[in-house]
Amino acid sequence: MTPHVPSCSFNAQNKYIGENSVVDSASNLQKVSVDIIDPRMGEENVKMEAVQSQSSFLLRPFPSALVPSSAESIFQPISQPLSPTPKHQPEYSDMDILEIAKDLMYEVLEEECKEISNAGADYVQTAIWVSDATLNELVTEAMSGMLRQIASVVINEERERFEEEKRQAEKEKQKREKEERIQIVSKSLGAELMEEVIKQEIKEISVKELKCAVEIDQKARILRCSQEISAEMMDAFLEDEIFQNAKETLQELQCFCKYLQRWKEAVLARKKLKRQMRAFPAAPCYVDPKDKLKALSPSAECPIAREHLIKRIVNLGHAGNLGTA
């Protein structure tokens, strides 16, 4: 990497003169060299070479031979207490140079594309104007011919329509006269037929109404009689059913009362026997005490089954069955 060459931006009178004139002249020379290149070469190759040469030219130091004598007189030392030490120039990699070259190439391409697009737009605008003028002339000629043809066709159609309307008016007049005659005859015939039809309809309606009245009266009598008979039969049937149910219920209650009385007597007798056995215990026997306790424990069925009541048997559970008279 070449060292940085410092440049002074002030002249001998200590006035600011801007950037380095040497760098500006070098860039101008480079632009002129790019413009002089043969236009038949590829535009992209020319721009890439120009950008690469410009970047390399800007980065390397200028030789002393390229600096004019006037520049040497401009760079006169200024009275300063201490000259500043030159700063280290940052190093640029190939990727940075390539990015700068790409940016420059894109700018050049953008300018060229703008010029080409402007020229194309002008050409298209001119072509549109010429085509519009030609189209207007052609449309005018075609419309004039079409209008002449349409006018002749419309005139012929109007003539035919007028004649057709005249014929239709004559036909309508004849048809209207015929319809008037038909209406007069039809009205007279319609009046006669209407009278006959009304008489026939009145007769049929009277017969139907009489028949309907007889049927309605007959149905009403049948319904009234059937309701009375059904009410009488229902009363008789309900009386029989209620009597039978009451009779069966009384019989069951009487039977249940008998069974309950006998069961109470049996329970009292067993309790009395139990007290007697406790007071006077019997001699030991070979019966298991568990069976004795099981027989004495209450295990009678509740409620009493209907089958046992019919058979006149009371199931006392572990104590066995008890027959009733």
Protein backbone atom coordinates (compact mmCIF):
# COMPACT_ATOMS: atom_id res chain seq x y z
CA MET A 1 0.00 0.00 0.00
CA THR A 2 1.49 3.36 -1.05
CA PRO A 3 1.88 6.08 1.60
CA HIS A 4 -0.52 9.02 1.65
CA VAL A 5 0.76 12.21 0.07
CA PRO A 6 -0.57 15.26 1.97
CA SER A 7 -1.79 18.23 -0.04
CA CYS A 8 -2.44 21.85 0.99
CA SER A 9 -5.81 23.47 0.33
CA PHE A 10 -4.52 27.09 0.72
CA ASN A 11 -2.49 29.28 -1.66
CA ALA A 12 0.40 31.62 -0.91
CA GLN A 13 -1.98 34.32 0.35
CA ASN A 14 -3.47 31.77 2.80
CA LYS A 15 -6.81 31.61 0.92
CA TYR A 16 -8.84 28.40 0.64
CA ILE A 17 -8.76 27.04 -2.90
CA GLY A 18 -10.76 23.80 -2.43
CA GLU A 19 -9.66 20.25 -3.10
CA ASN A 20 -6.38 19.27 -4.70
CA SER A 21 -6.23 20.53 -8.27
CA VAL A 22 -3.94 17.66 -9.19
CA VAL A 23 -6.55 15.07 -8.28
CA ASP A 24 -9.25 16.99 -10.22
CA SER A 25 -7.05 17.20 -13.30
CA ALA A 26 -6.32 13.48 -13.05
CA SER A 27 -10.02 12.63 -12.83
CA ASN A 28 -10.79 14.90 -15.81
CA LEU A 29 -8.04 13.24 -17.84
CA GLN A 30 -9.44 9.84 -16.93
CA LYS A 31 -13.00 10.87 -18.05
CA VAL A 32 -11.64 12.16 -21.36
CA SER A 33 -9.81 8.90 -21.94
CA VAL A 34 -13.01 6.94 -21.30
CA ASP A 35 -14.98 9.07 -23.82
CA ILE A 36 -12.36 8.61 -26.57
CA ILE A 37 -12.59 4.78 -26.48
CA ASP A 38 -13.91 3.14 -29.65
CA PRO A 39 -17.77 3.00 -29.39
CA ARG A 40 -17.84 -0.34 -31.23
CA MET A 41 -16.38 -2.09 -28.20
CA GLY A 42 -18.71 -3.57 -25.63
CA GLU A 43 -20.18 -0.87 -23.44
CA GLU A 44 -19.87 -2.94 -20.30
CA ASN A 45 -16.15 -3.79 -20.84
CA VAL A 46 -15.32 -0.12 -21.52
CA LYS A 47 -17.07 1.03 -18.36
CA MET A 48 -15.43 -1.64 -16.22
CA GLU A 49 -11.96 -0.78 -17.54
CA ALA A 50 -12.61 2.95 -17.02
CA VAL A 51 -13.76 2.39 -13.44
CA GLN A 52 -10.81 0.11 -12.61
CA SER A 53 -8.25 2.49 -14.16
CA GLN A 54 -9.85 5.48 -12.40
CA SER A 55 -9.83 3.76 -9.01
CA SER A 56 -6.21 2.59 -9.42
CA PHE A 57 -5.18 6.04 -10.62
CA LEU A 58 -6.81 7.72 -7.65
CA LEU A 59 -5.27 5.32 -5.14
CA ARG A 60 -1.62 5.38 -6.32
CA PRO A 61 0.54 8.50 -5.69
CA PHE A 62 1.24 10.92 -8.50
CA PRO A 63 4.85 11.12 -9.64
CA SER A 64 6.68 14.36 -9.25
CA ALA A 65 6.87 14.77 -13.02
CA LEU A 66 3.05 15.08 -13.30
CA VAL A 67 2.83 17.90 -10.73
CA PRO A 68 3.23 21.29 -12.48
CA SER A 69 5.65 23.93 -11.31
CA SER A 70 2.78 26.23 -10.38
CA ALA A 71 1.59 23.67 -7.86
CA GLU A 72 5.03 23.64 -6.26
CA SER A 73 4.84 27.37 -5.76
CA ILE A 74 1.37 27.01 -4.24
CA PHE A 75 2.51 24.49 -1.64
CA GLN A 76 4.61 26.93 0.31
CA PRO A 77 5.11 26.05 3.92
CA ILE A 78 3.00 27.96 6.40
CA SER A 79 4.63 29.17 9.50
CA GLN A 80 3.47 26.79 12.17
CA PRO A 81 4.93 25.88 15.49
CA LEU A 82 5.10 22.17 14.70
CA SER A 83 4.22 20.29 11.55
CA PRO A 84 1.63 17.60 12.24
CA THR A 85 2.76 14.06 11.82
CA PRO A 86 1.21 12.40 8.77
CA LYS A 87 -1.67 10.10 9.65
CA HIS A 88 -1.56 6.53 8.57
CA GLN A 89 -3.63 5.98 5.42
CA PRO A 90 -6.21 3.21 5.94
CA GLU A 91 -5.66 0.18 3.80
CA TYR A 92 -8.27 -0.67 1.13
CA SER A 93 -8.93 -4.29 0.24
CA ASP A 94 -9.77 -5.64 -3.20
CA MET A 95 -13.40 -6.09 -2.16
CA ASP A 96 -13.69 -2.38 -1.27
CA ILE A 97 -12.18 -1.41 -4.61
CA LEU A 98 -14.53 -3.81 -6.40
CA GLU A 99 -17.57 -2.34 -4.61
CA ILE A 100 -16.52 1.21 -5.59
CA ALA A 101 -16.04 0.06 -9.16
CA LYS A 102 -19.48 -1.56 -9.18
CA ASP A 103 -21.10 1.62 -7.85
CA LEU A 104 -19.43 3.70 -10.55
CA MET A 105 -20.41 1.20 -13.21
CA TYR A 106 -24.06 1.26 -12.03
CA GLU A 107 -24.09 5.07 -12.15
CA VAL A 108 -22.73 5.08 -15.72
CA LEU A 109 -25.24 2.40 -16.75
CA GLU A 110 -28.09 4.37 -15.16
CA GLU A 111 -27.15 7.51 -17.13
CA GLU A 112 -26.92 5.54 -20.38
CA CYS A 113 -30.26 3.83 -19.73
CA LYS A 114 -31.89 7.19 -19.02
CA GLU A 115 -30.62 8.58 -22.34
CA ILE A 116 -31.78 5.48 -24.24
CA SER A 117 -35.20 5.50 -22.53
CA ASN A 118 -35.68 9.22 -23.27
CA ALA A 119 -34.82 8.66 -26.93
CA GLY A 120 -37.18 5.67 -27.08
CA ALA A 121 -39.96 7.66 -25.42
CA ASP A 122 -39.54 10.48 -27.96
CA TYR A 123 -39.63 7.97 -30.80
CA VAL A 124 -42.75 6.28 -29.39
CA GLN A 125 -44.47 9.65 -28.89
CA THR A 126 -43.75 10.62 -32.51
CA ALA A 127 -44.95 7.24 -33.76
CA ILE A 128 -48.15 7.56 -31.72
CA TRP A 129 -48.82 11.03 -33.13
CA VAL A 130 -48.28 9.83 -36.72
CA SER A 131 -50.42 6.74 -36.14
CA ASP A 132 -53.22 8.87 -34.62
CA ALA A 133 -53.24 11.16 -37.63
CA THR A 134 -53.27 8.21 -40.05
CA LEU A 135 -55.98 6.50 -38.01
CA ASN A 136 -58.16 9.60 -38.04
CA GLU A 137 -57.90 9.85 -41.83
CA LEU A 138 -58.73 6.16 -42.31
CA VAL A 139 -61.62 6.34 -39.84
CA THR A 140 -63.01 9.42 -41.58
CA GLU A 141 -62.93 7.72 -44.99
CA ALA A 142 -64.44 4.50 -43.64
CA MET A 143 -67.14 6.35 -41.72
CA SER A 144 -68.16 8.40 -44.75
CA GLY A 145 -68.59 5.24 -46.84
CA MET A 146 -70.45 3.47 -44.07
CA LEU A 147 -72.73 6.46 -43.51
CA ARG A 148 -73.67 6.57 -47.19
CA GLN A 149 -74.50 2.85 -47.15
CA ILE A 150 -76.43 3.16 -43.88
CA ALA A 151 -78.39 6.17 -45.18
CA SER A 152 -79.47 4.30 -48.31
CA VAL A 153 -80.43 1.23 -46.25
CA VAL A 154 -82.38 3.34 -43.73
CA ILE A 155 -84.30 5.15 -46.48
CA ASN A 156 -85.29 1.85 -48.09
CA GLU A 157 -86.31 0.43 -44.73
CA GLU A 158 -88.44 3.50 -43.97
CA ARG A 159 -90.23 3.18 -47.29
CA GLU A 160 -90.92 -0.50 -46.69
CA ARG A 161 -92.04 0.25 -43.13
CA PHE A 162 -94.48 2.94 -44.31
CA GLU A 163 -96.02 0.58 -46.87
CA GLU A 164 -96.19 -2.19 -44.28
CA GLU A 165 -97.88 0.12 -41.77
CA LYS A 166 -100.42 1.10 -44.39
CA ARG A 167 -101.24 -2.56 -45.09
CA GLN A 168 -101.37 -3.32 -41.37
CA ALA A 169 -103.78 -0.41 -40.77
CA GLU A 170 -106.11 -1.71 -43.47
CA LYS A 171 -105.99 -5.20 -41.99
CA GLU A 172 -106.64 -3.85 -38.50
CA LYS A 173 -109.67 -1.92 -39.73
CA GLN A 174 -111.18 -5.02 -41.37
CA LYS A 175 -110.38 -7.12 -38.32
CA ARG A 176 -111.99 -4.55 -35.97
CA GLU A 177 -115.20 -4.46 -38.02
CA LYS A 178 -115.35 -8.25 -38.00
CA GLU A 179 -114.81 -8.38 -34.25
CA GLU A 180 -117.59 -5.84 -33.67
CA ARG A 181 -120.07 -7.97 -35.61
CA ILE A 182 -118.95 -11.08 -33.73
CA GLN A 183 -119.33 -9.30 -30.38
CA ILE A 184 -122.91 -8.24 -31.15
CA VAL A 185 -123.91 -11.80 -32.06
CA SER A 186 -121.99 -13.32 -29.14
CA LYS A 187 -123.64 -10.96 -26.64
CA SER A 188 -127.12 -11.99 -27.73
CA LEU A 189 -126.24 -15.69 -27.62
CA GLY A 190 -124.42 -15.26 -24.31
CA ALA A 191 -127.46 -13.67 -22.68
CA GLU A 192 -129.69 -16.58 -23.70
CA LEU A 193 -127.14 -19.19 -22.60
CA MET A 194 -126.59 -17.35 -19.31
CA GLU A 195 -130.29 -17.55 -18.46
CA GLU A 196 -130.41 -21.28 -19.21
CA VAL A 197 -127.23 -21.96 -17.23
CA ILE A 198 -128.45 -19.93 -14.23
CA LYS A 199 -131.72 -21.83 -14.14
CA GLN A 200 -129.92 -25.18 -14.34
CA GLU A 201 -127.40 -24.19 -11.68
CA ILE A 202 -130.13 -22.97 -9.30
CA LYS A 203 -131.95 -26.26 -9.66
CA GLU A 204 -128.81 -28.35 -9.04
CA ILE A 205 -127.78 -26.19 -6.06
CA SER A 206 -131.21 -26.52 -4.44
CA VAL A 207 -131.12 -30.31 -4.83
CA LYS A 208 -127.60 -30.49 -3.37
CA GLU A 209 -128.48 -28.24 -0.44
CA LEU A 210 -131.55 -30.31 0.38
CA LYS A 211 -129.54 -33.50 0.25
CA CYS A 212 -126.82 -32.00 2.45
CA ALA A 213 -129.37 -30.80 5.00
CA VAL A 214 -130.93 -34.29 5.21
CA GLU A 215 -127.50 -35.89 5.63
CA ILE A 216 -126.47 -33.37 8.31
CA ASP A 217 -129.69 -33.95 10.25
CA GLN A 218 -129.28 -37.73 10.01
CA LYS A 219 -125.65 -37.54 11.17
CA ALA A 220 -126.63 -35.30 14.08
CA ARG A 221 -129.34 -37.73 15.21
CA ILE A 222 -126.97 -40.71 14.88
CA LEU A 223 -124.28 -38.85 16.84
CA ARG A 224 -126.70 -37.86 19.60
CA CYS A 225 -128.05 -41.40 19.94
CA SER A 226 -124.58 -42.94 19.89
CA GLN A 227 -123.39 -40.52 22.60
CA GLU A 228 -126.35 -41.35 24.82
CA ILE A 229 -125.92 -45.11 24.35
CA SER A 230 -122.16 -44.94 24.90
CA ALA A 231 -122.67 -42.87 28.06
CA GLU A 232 -125.15 -45.43 29.44
CA MET A 233 -122.83 -48.34 28.57
CA MET A 234 -119.84 -46.54 30.08
CA ASP A 235 -121.74 -45.89 33.32
CA ALA A 236 -122.79 -49.52 33.57
CA PHE A 237 -119.28 -50.77 32.82
CA LEU A 238 -117.71 -48.40 35.35
CA GLU A 239 -120.20 -49.43 38.03
CA ASP A 240 -119.38 -53.12 37.46
CA GLU A 241 -115.63 -52.49 37.47
CA ILE A 242 -115.79 -50.34 40.60
CA PHE A 243 -117.92 -52.94 42.37
CA GLN A 244 -115.54 -55.78 41.45
CA ASN A 245 -112.45 -53.78 42.47
CA ALA A 246 -114.04 -52.82 45.78
CA LYS A 247 -115.08 -56.42 46.40
CA GLU A 248 -111.59 -57.78 45.66
CA THR A 249 -109.99 -55.08 47.78
CA LEU A 250 -112.24 -55.86 50.75
CA GLN A 251 -111.51 -59.57 50.42
CA GLU A 252 -107.78 -58.95 50.33
CA LEU A 253 -108.02 -56.63 53.35
CA GLN A 254 -110.00 -59.20 55.31
CA CYS A 255 -107.49 -61.91 54.42
CA PHE A 256 -104.58 -59.66 55.30
CA CYS A 257 -106.16 -58.80 58.64
CA LYS A 258 -106.56 -62.50 59.43
CA TYR A 259 -102.96 -63.23 58.47
CA LEU A 260 -101.70 -60.27 60.46
CA GLN A 261 -103.69 -61.34 63.54
CA ARG A 262 -102.33 -64.89 63.31
CA TRP A 263 -98.83 -63.59 62.83
CA LYS A 264 -99.19 -61.37 65.92
CA GLU A 265 -100.44 -64.36 67.91
CA ALA A 266 -97.50 -66.46 66.71
CA VAL A 267 -95.02 -63.72 67.60
CA LEU A 268 -96.55 -63.31 71.05
CA ALA A 269 -96.46 -67.06 71.61
CA ARG A 270 -92.83 -67.21 70.54
CA LYS A 271 -91.91 -64.31 72.81
CA LYS A 272 -93.72 -66.00 75.68
CA LEU A 273 -91.89 -69.24 74.96
CA LYS A 274 -88.61 -67.40 74.81
CA ARG A 275 -89.21 -65.82 78.21
CA GLN A 276 -90.14 -69.20 79.64
CA MET A 277 -87.02 -70.79 78.23
CA ARG A 278 -84.90 -68.05 79.71
CA ALA A 279 -86.54 -68.51 83.08
CA PHE A 280 -86.37 -72.34 82.99
CA PRO A 281 -83.58 -73.36 80.65
CA ALA A 282 -83.85 -76.87 79.26
CA ALA A 283 -81.21 -79.51 79.41
CA PRO A 284 -78.38 -79.19 76.91
CA CYS A 285 -79.05 -80.89 73.65
CA TYR A 286 -77.14 -81.63 70.51
CA VAL A 287 -78.57 -78.66 68.55
CA ASP A 288 -76.05 -76.06 67.48
CA PRO A 289 -76.52 -72.74 69.34
CA LYS A 290 -76.09 -70.87 66.05
CA ASP A 291 -79.16 -72.60 64.63
CA LYS A 292 -81.15 -71.73 67.74
CA LEU A 293 -80.29 -68.07 67.48
CA LYS A 294 -81.00 -68.13 63.76
CA ALA A 295 -84.45 -69.63 64.36
CA LEU A 296 -85.25 -67.02 67.02
CA SER A 297 -84.10 -64.04 64.93
CA PRO A 298 -86.89 -62.18 63.01
CA SER A 299 -86.79 -63.27 59.39
CA ALA A 300 -90.42 -63.32 58.25
CA GLU A 301 -91.10 -61.95 54.78
CA CYS A 302 -92.51 -58.43 54.50
CA PRO A 303 -94.72 -57.77 52.66
CA ILE A 304 -96.42 -61.14 52.41
CA ALA A 305 -96.39 -62.61 48.90
CA ARG A 306 -99.71 -62.89 47.06
CA GLU A 307 -99.04 -66.58 46.21
CA HIS A 308 -98.67 -67.45 49.92
CA LEU A 309 -101.87 -65.59 50.75
CA ILE A 310 -103.75 -67.55 48.11
CA LYS A 311 -102.35 -70.82 49.54
CA ARG A 312 -103.10 -69.60 53.10
CA ILE A 313 -99.47 -69.93 54.17
CA VAL A 314 -97.43 -67.39 56.17
CA ASN A 315 -93.66 -67.59 55.68
CA LEU A 316 -91.98 -67.02 59.08
CA GLY A 317 -88.46 -67.17 57.66
CA HIS A 318 -86.08 -69.29 59.77
CA ALA A 319 -88.96 -70.48 61.92
CA GLY A 320 -90.66 -72.17 58.93
CA ASN A 321 -94.13 -71.77 57.41
CA LEU A 322 -97.37 -71.26 59.27
CA GLY A 323 -100.65 -72.56 57.84
CA THR A 324 -103.91 -70.68 58.35
CA ALA A 325 -107.53 -71.86 58.28
